[in-house]
Amino acid sequence: MKRTRFLPAALAALLLAGPALAQTPCYADYKARRDNPYELHYGVMKLGSCNAQTAEAELRTRLAQAGWTLLNLVSIFKADGLEQRKANAGANYLRF
């Protein structure tokens, strides 16, 4: 029985590329509020995960530590979407 070496080589390449793919940074833009005094803000945050459920939980936790409540996770995006959101986020651009 002859074994092909392609499969182990392809598997090795995927395993080696896996950590690099997992480390691709993701970002989220969101809307949040604070009650006392009442304030609203739009912001951009760097995430530890690109998964929507995990991202929402991370946003809620990090914002709550600063006294903010997440209202809406607007979107999750890669680094190529940062520049177009920078001006709108203002002081809340990568703040949290």
N, C-alpha and C. Protein backbone atom coordinates (compact mmCIF):
# COMPACT_ATOMS: atom_id res chain seq x y z
N MET A 1 0.84 -1.17 0.00
CA MET A 1 0.00 0.00 0.00
C MET A 1 0.90 1.24 0.00
N LYS A 2 0.67 2.10 -0.96
CA LYS A 2 1.47 3.30 -1.10
C LYS A 2 0.75 4.48 -0.43
N ARG A 3 1.46 5.19 0.41
CA ARG A 3 0.88 6.34 1.10
C ARG A 3 1.27 7.61 0.36
N THR A 4 0.36 8.50 0.30
CA THR A 4 0.68 9.78 -0.31
C THR A 4 1.17 10.74 0.77
N ARG A 5 2.12 11.57 0.42
CA ARG A 5 2.68 12.52 1.38
C ARG A 5 1.97 13.87 1.32
N PHE A 6 1.08 14.01 0.36
CA PHE A 6 0.40 15.29 0.21
C PHE A 6 -0.47 15.60 1.42
N LEU A 7 -1.24 14.66 1.88
CA LEU A 7 -2.15 14.91 2.98
C LEU A 7 -1.43 15.35 4.25
N PRO A 8 -0.38 14.64 4.70
CA PRO A 8 0.33 15.13 5.89
C PRO A 8 0.95 16.50 5.69
N ALA A 9 1.46 16.78 4.51
CA ALA A 9 2.06 18.09 4.25
C ALA A 9 0.99 19.18 4.28
N ALA A 10 -0.16 18.91 3.70
CA ALA A 10 -1.25 19.90 3.70
C ALA A 10 -1.76 20.12 5.12
N LEU A 11 -1.88 19.04 5.88
CA LEU A 11 -2.33 19.15 7.25
C LEU A 11 -1.34 19.97 8.08
N ALA A 12 -0.07 19.72 7.89
CA ALA A 12 0.97 20.47 8.60
C ALA A 12 0.89 21.96 8.25
N ALA A 13 0.67 22.27 6.97
CA ALA A 13 0.57 23.67 6.55
C ALA A 13 -0.63 24.36 7.20
N LEU A 14 -1.75 23.66 7.29
CA LEU A 14 -2.94 24.24 7.93
C LEU A 14 -2.71 24.45 9.42
N LEU A 15 -2.06 23.49 10.06
CA LEU A 15 -1.80 23.63 11.49
C LEU A 15 -0.86 24.79 11.78
N LEU A 16 0.12 24.97 10.92
CA LEU A 16 1.06 26.08 11.11
C LEU A 16 0.40 27.42 10.80
N ALA A 17 -0.50 27.45 9.85
CA ALA A 17 -1.18 28.69 9.48
C ALA A 17 -2.29 29.03 10.47
N GLY A 18 -2.82 28.05 11.17
CA GLY A 18 -3.93 28.26 12.09
C GLY A 18 -3.70 29.36 13.09
N PRO A 19 -2.59 29.34 13.86
CA PRO A 19 -2.35 30.41 14.83
C PRO A 19 -2.25 31.78 14.18
N ALA A 20 -1.66 31.85 13.00
CA ALA A 20 -1.54 33.14 12.32
C ALA A 20 -2.91 33.66 11.92
N LEU A 21 -3.77 32.76 11.45
CA LEU A 21 -5.12 33.17 11.07
C LEU A 21 -5.93 33.59 12.29
N ALA A 22 -5.74 32.90 13.39
CA ALA A 22 -6.48 33.20 14.60
C ALA A 22 -6.04 34.53 15.21
N GLN A 23 -4.85 34.98 14.90
CA GLN A 23 -4.32 36.21 15.47
C GLN A 23 -4.68 37.45 14.66
N THR A 24 -5.39 37.28 13.55
CA THR A 24 -5.82 38.42 12.76
C THR A 24 -6.74 39.27 13.63
N PRO A 25 -6.36 40.52 13.87
CA PRO A 25 -7.18 41.34 14.77
C PRO A 25 -8.56 41.66 14.19
N CYS A 26 -9.51 41.68 15.07
CA CYS A 26 -10.87 42.09 14.73
C CYS A 26 -11.23 43.30 15.58
N TYR A 27 -12.15 44.07 15.07
CA TYR A 27 -12.60 45.29 15.73
C TYR A 27 -14.12 45.32 15.68
N ALA A 28 -14.71 46.07 16.58
CA ALA A 28 -16.16 46.25 16.58
C ALA A 28 -16.47 47.73 16.74
N ASP A 29 -17.51 48.17 16.06
CA ASP A 29 -18.04 49.49 16.37
C ASP A 29 -19.37 49.26 17.09
N TYR A 30 -19.64 50.14 18.02
CA TYR A 30 -20.75 49.93 18.95
C TYR A 30 -21.33 51.27 19.39
N LYS A 31 -22.49 51.19 20.03
CA LYS A 31 -23.12 52.35 20.67
C LYS A 31 -23.31 52.01 22.14
N ALA A 32 -23.04 52.97 23.00
CA ALA A 32 -23.14 52.75 24.45
C ALA A 32 -23.74 53.97 25.13
N ARG A 33 -24.21 53.76 26.37
CA ARG A 33 -24.77 54.87 27.14
C ARG A 33 -24.27 54.77 28.58
N ARG A 34 -24.35 55.91 29.24
CA ARG A 34 -24.05 56.00 30.67
C ARG A 34 -25.19 56.80 31.28
N ASP A 35 -25.62 56.44 32.50
CA ASP A 35 -26.80 57.06 33.09
C ASP A 35 -26.56 58.32 33.91
N ASN A 36 -25.47 58.41 34.62
CA ASN A 36 -25.33 59.54 35.53
C ASN A 36 -23.99 60.23 35.37
N PRO A 37 -23.88 61.26 34.61
CA PRO A 37 -24.91 61.94 33.80
C PRO A 37 -25.21 61.13 32.54
N TYR A 38 -26.40 61.34 32.00
CA TYR A 38 -26.81 60.60 30.81
C TYR A 38 -25.96 61.03 29.62
N GLU A 39 -25.31 60.04 29.00
CA GLU A 39 -24.48 60.29 27.82
C GLU A 39 -24.60 59.11 26.88
N LEU A 40 -24.43 59.38 25.62
CA LEU A 40 -24.36 58.36 24.58
C LEU A 40 -23.03 58.49 23.87
N HIS A 41 -22.50 57.37 23.40
CA HIS A 41 -21.32 57.47 22.55
C HIS A 41 -21.25 56.32 21.56
N TYR A 42 -20.57 56.61 20.47
CA TYR A 42 -20.24 55.63 19.43
C TYR A 42 -18.75 55.39 19.56
N GLY A 43 -18.33 54.13 19.49
CA GLY A 43 -16.92 53.85 19.64
C GLY A 43 -16.47 52.67 18.81
N VAL A 44 -15.16 52.49 18.78
CA VAL A 44 -14.51 51.37 18.10
C VAL A 44 -13.59 50.71 19.11
N MET A 45 -13.67 49.39 19.19
CA MET A 45 -12.88 48.63 20.16
C MET A 45 -12.19 47.46 19.47
N LYS A 46 -10.94 47.19 19.84
CA LYS A 46 -10.23 46.01 19.36
C LYS A 46 -10.71 44.81 20.18
N LEU A 47 -10.98 43.70 19.49
CA LEU A 47 -11.54 42.52 20.13
C LEU A 47 -10.54 41.39 20.25
N GLY A 48 -10.81 40.50 21.17
CA GLY A 48 -10.01 39.29 21.31
C GLY A 48 -10.54 38.15 20.45
N SER A 49 -11.77 38.28 19.93
CA SER A 49 -12.40 37.23 19.12
C SER A 49 -13.28 37.87 18.05
N CYS A 50 -13.34 37.21 16.91
CA CYS A 50 -14.20 37.69 15.83
C CYS A 50 -15.60 37.10 15.90
N ASN A 51 -15.85 36.23 16.85
CA ASN A 51 -17.15 35.61 17.03
C ASN A 51 -18.12 36.64 17.62
N ALA A 52 -19.30 36.77 17.01
CA ALA A 52 -20.25 37.81 17.41
C ALA A 52 -20.69 37.69 18.87
N GLN A 53 -21.00 36.48 19.33
CA GLN A 53 -21.46 36.32 20.71
C GLN A 53 -20.35 36.63 21.70
N THR A 54 -19.15 36.15 21.42
CA THR A 54 -18.01 36.41 22.28
C THR A 54 -17.68 37.90 22.27
N ALA A 55 -17.75 38.51 21.10
CA ALA A 55 -17.45 39.93 20.97
C ALA A 55 -18.43 40.77 21.78
N GLU A 56 -19.70 40.43 21.71
CA GLU A 56 -20.71 41.20 22.46
C GLU A 56 -20.46 41.10 23.96
N ALA A 57 -20.13 39.91 24.42
CA ALA A 57 -19.84 39.73 25.85
C ALA A 57 -18.60 40.52 26.26
N GLU A 58 -17.59 40.53 25.40
CA GLU A 58 -16.37 41.29 25.68
C GLU A 58 -16.66 42.79 25.72
N LEU A 59 -17.45 43.26 24.77
CA LEU A 59 -17.83 44.68 24.76
C LEU A 59 -18.57 45.06 26.04
N ARG A 60 -19.56 44.26 26.41
CA ARG A 60 -20.35 44.54 27.62
C ARG A 60 -19.45 44.62 28.86
N THR A 61 -18.56 43.67 28.99
CA THR A 61 -17.68 43.61 30.16
C THR A 61 -16.74 44.81 30.22
N ARG A 62 -16.08 45.10 29.12
CA ARG A 62 -15.10 46.18 29.12
C ARG A 62 -15.75 47.55 29.28
N LEU A 63 -16.92 47.74 28.68
CA LEU A 63 -17.63 49.00 28.83
C LEU A 63 -18.16 49.16 30.26
N ALA A 64 -18.68 48.07 30.82
CA ALA A 64 -19.23 48.13 32.18
C ALA A 64 -18.15 48.51 33.20
N GLN A 65 -16.93 48.09 32.99
CA GLN A 65 -15.84 48.45 33.89
C GLN A 65 -15.62 49.95 33.96
N ALA A 66 -16.02 50.64 32.90
CA ALA A 66 -15.88 52.10 32.85
C ALA A 66 -17.21 52.81 33.08
N GLY A 67 -18.26 52.06 33.48
CA GLY A 67 -19.54 52.67 33.79
C GLY A 67 -20.47 52.84 32.60
N TRP A 68 -20.20 52.18 31.48
CA TRP A 68 -21.02 52.29 30.28
C TRP A 68 -21.83 51.02 30.08
N THR A 69 -22.97 51.15 29.39
CA THR A 69 -23.81 50.02 29.04
C THR A 69 -23.87 49.90 27.53
N LEU A 70 -23.58 48.72 27.02
CA LEU A 70 -23.65 48.49 25.58
C LEU A 70 -25.09 48.56 25.12
N LEU A 71 -25.35 49.38 24.12
CA LEU A 71 -26.68 49.46 23.53
C LEU A 71 -26.77 48.59 22.28
N ASN A 72 -25.71 48.63 21.46
CA ASN A 72 -25.77 47.96 20.18
C ASN A 72 -24.37 47.65 19.67
N LEU A 73 -24.15 46.41 19.28
CA LEU A 73 -22.95 46.03 18.54
C LEU A 73 -23.29 46.29 17.08
N VAL A 74 -22.68 47.31 16.50
CA VAL A 74 -23.03 47.71 15.13
C VAL A 74 -22.47 46.72 14.13
N SER A 75 -21.16 46.44 14.21
CA SER A 75 -20.54 45.50 13.28
C SER A 75 -19.19 45.04 13.81
N ILE A 76 -18.72 43.94 13.25
CA ILE A 76 -17.39 43.41 13.51
C ILE A 76 -16.65 43.46 12.19
N PHE A 77 -15.42 43.93 12.22
CA PHE A 77 -14.67 44.13 10.97
C PHE A 77 -13.18 43.94 11.21
N LYS A 78 -12.44 43.89 10.12
CA LYS A 78 -10.97 43.75 10.17
C LYS A 78 -10.33 45.14 10.13
N ALA A 79 -9.03 45.17 10.20
CA ALA A 79 -8.27 46.42 10.27
C ALA A 79 -8.54 47.36 9.09
N ASP A 80 -8.92 46.82 7.95
CA ASP A 80 -9.15 47.68 6.79
C ASP A 80 -10.38 48.58 6.96
N GLY A 81 -11.20 48.35 7.97
CA GLY A 81 -12.36 49.19 8.22
C GLY A 81 -12.14 50.25 9.30
N LEU A 82 -10.93 50.29 9.86
CA LEU A 82 -10.67 51.22 10.95
C LEU A 82 -10.71 52.69 10.52
N GLU A 83 -10.02 53.00 9.46
CA GLU A 83 -9.85 54.40 9.06
C GLU A 83 -11.18 55.09 8.80
N GLN A 84 -12.12 54.39 8.18
CA GLN A 84 -13.41 55.01 7.85
C GLN A 84 -14.26 55.28 9.09
N ARG A 85 -13.94 54.65 10.22
CA ARG A 85 -14.72 54.83 11.45
C ARG A 85 -14.04 55.76 12.45
N LYS A 86 -12.80 56.09 12.21
CA LYS A 86 -11.99 56.85 13.17
C LYS A 86 -12.61 58.21 13.50
N ALA A 87 -12.99 58.97 12.51
CA ALA A 87 -13.52 60.32 12.74
C ALA A 87 -14.83 60.27 13.53
N ASN A 88 -15.70 59.32 13.22
CA ASN A 88 -16.99 59.23 13.93
C ASN A 88 -16.82 58.81 15.38
N ALA A 89 -15.83 57.98 15.66
CA ALA A 89 -15.63 57.50 17.03
C ALA A 89 -14.95 58.55 17.90
N GLY A 90 -14.19 59.44 17.30
CA GLY A 90 -13.53 60.51 18.06
C GLY A 90 -12.71 59.99 19.22
N ALA A 91 -12.98 60.48 20.43
CA ALA A 91 -12.23 60.09 21.63
C ALA A 91 -12.48 58.64 22.01
N ASN A 92 -13.52 58.02 21.46
CA ASN A 92 -13.82 56.61 21.78
C ASN A 92 -13.29 55.65 20.74
N TYR A 93 -12.36 56.11 19.94
CA TYR A 93 -11.68 55.27 18.96
C TYR A 93 -10.58 54.48 19.68
N LEU A 94 -10.78 53.20 19.82
CA LEU A 94 -9.85 52.28 20.50
C LEU A 94 -9.58 52.72 21.94
N ARG A 95 -10.54 53.37 22.58
CA ARG A 95 -10.40 53.85 23.95
C ARG A 95 -10.47 52.71 24.97
N PHE A 96 -11.38 51.78 24.75
CA PHE A 96 -11.58 50.70 25.73
C PHE A 96 -10.94 49.43 25.24
